[in-house]
Protein backbone atom coordinates (compact mmCIF):
# COMPACT_ATOMS: atom_id res chain seq x y z
CA MET A 1 0.00 0.00 0.00
CA SER A 2 1.43 3.38 -0.99
CA ASP A 3 1.78 6.31 1.40
CA THR A 4 -0.96 8.09 -0.56
CA ASP A 5 -3.31 5.13 -0.06
CA LYS A 6 -2.44 5.04 3.64
CA ASP A 7 -3.19 8.76 3.95
CA LYS A 8 -6.48 8.27 2.09
CA GLU A 9 -7.41 5.38 4.39
CA PHE A 10 -6.46 7.44 7.47
CA TYR A 11 -8.70 10.35 6.47
CA GLU A 12 -11.56 8.06 5.42
CA MET A 13 -11.49 6.42 8.85
CA ALA A 14 -11.38 9.81 10.58
CA ASP A 15 -14.30 11.00 8.44
CA ALA A 16 -16.28 7.88 9.41
CA PHE A 17 -15.78 8.63 13.12
CA ILE A 18 -16.73 12.27 12.57
CA ALA A 19 -19.85 11.24 10.62
CA LEU A 20 -20.91 9.04 13.53
CA ALA A 21 -20.30 11.88 16.00
CA ASN A 22 -22.29 14.27 13.82
CA LYS A 23 -25.15 11.77 13.65
CA GLN A 24 -25.11 11.32 17.43
CA SER A 25 -25.03 15.10 17.93
CA LYS A 26 -28.46 15.36 16.30
CA SER A 27 -30.07 13.54 19.23
CA CYS A 28 -27.58 14.17 22.04
CA ASP A 29 -25.70 17.16 23.45
CA PRO A 30 -22.59 17.72 21.26
CA GLY A 31 -20.51 18.23 24.42
CA LYS A 32 -21.48 14.77 25.59
CA VAL A 33 -20.65 13.34 22.15
CA SER A 34 -17.24 15.04 22.33
CA ALA A 35 -16.56 13.68 25.82
CA THR A 36 -17.61 10.21 24.69
CA PHE A 37 -15.31 10.46 21.66
CA LEU A 38 -12.37 11.34 23.93
CA TYR A 39 -13.26 8.55 26.36
CA ALA A 40 -13.45 5.98 23.56
CA ALA A 41 -10.12 7.12 22.12
CA ALA A 42 -8.43 6.86 25.52
CA ARG A 43 -9.92 3.44 26.15
CA PHE A 44 -8.99 2.08 22.71
CA ASN A 45 -5.47 3.54 22.81
CA THR A 46 -4.91 2.01 26.24
CA PHE A 47 -5.99 -1.37 24.87
CA ILE A 48 -3.57 -1.05 21.93
CA ILE A 49 -0.63 -0.13 24.19
CA ALA A 50 -1.46 -2.91 26.68
CA SER A 51 -1.83 -5.51 23.94
CA HIS A 52 1.69 -4.74 22.72
CA ALA A 53 3.28 -4.98 26.17
CA ALA A 54 5.00 -8.23 27.11
CA SER A 55 3.70 -8.06 30.70
CA ALA A 56 1.63 -6.01 33.12
CA SER A 57 4.80 -4.61 34.65
CA GLU A 58 6.15 -3.54 31.25
CA PHE A 59 2.81 -1.90 30.52
CA ALA A 60 2.83 -0.07 33.87
CA GLU A 61 6.47 1.01 33.49
CA GLY A 62 5.70 2.65 30.15
CA LYS A 63 2.73 4.67 31.29
CA GLU A 64 4.54 8.02 31.49
CA LYS A 65 5.81 7.62 27.91
CA THR A 66 2.30 6.68 26.87
CA TYR A 67 0.87 9.83 28.47
CA GLU A 68 3.54 12.02 26.90
CA TYR A 69 3.07 10.54 23.43
CA PHE A 70 -0.72 10.73 23.29
CA MET A 71 -0.93 14.18 24.90
CA ALA A 72 1.67 15.57 22.49
CA GLU A 73 -0.07 14.02 19.48
CA TYR A 74 -3.48 15.30 20.57
CA LYS A 75 -2.08 18.78 21.16
CA LYS A 76 -0.50 18.87 17.67
CA MET A 77 -3.79 17.82 16.09
CA LEU A 78 -5.84 20.25 18.18
CA VAL A 79 -3.50 23.17 17.41
CA GLU A 80 -3.71 22.35 13.69
CA HIS A 81 -7.51 22.23 13.66
CA VAL A 82 -8.01 25.31 15.84
CA ALA A 83 -5.75 27.27 13.47
CA ASP A 84 -7.72 25.97 10.49
CA TYR A 85 -11.02 27.03 12.05
CA ALA A 86 -9.59 30.41 13.03
CA ASN A 87 -8.62 30.97 9.41
CA ASN A 88 -11.89 29.65 7.98
CA PHE A 89 -14.40 30.39 10.73
CA ASP A 90 -17.05 32.04 8.58
CA LYS A 91 -16.76 29.26 5.99
CA TYR A 92 -17.05 26.42 8.52
CA ILE A 93 -19.53 27.94 10.99
CA VAL A 94 -22.64 29.05 9.16
CA ARG A 95 -25.38 30.51 11.32
CA ASN A 96 -28.89 31.02 10.06
């Protein structure tokens, strides 16, 4: 699989999660949907890290690196998207 295909797959998966969140936001408070999204990501990421650890002690010993990695990645993504919305606010947020 080429890097372009991987990037396409990455964004298609992200769009699928966003579509689900948008659908849920129609019948539930968007803040609750957002919190649930974060909770699910934390839970799934913890499972992935644990499943790659050789033992419970190895998993526990790596927790600080896990926190640092995921917090740094989330911050990079959040900074990128906040900047995008700041530059395109009127295009993205249409009020009737």
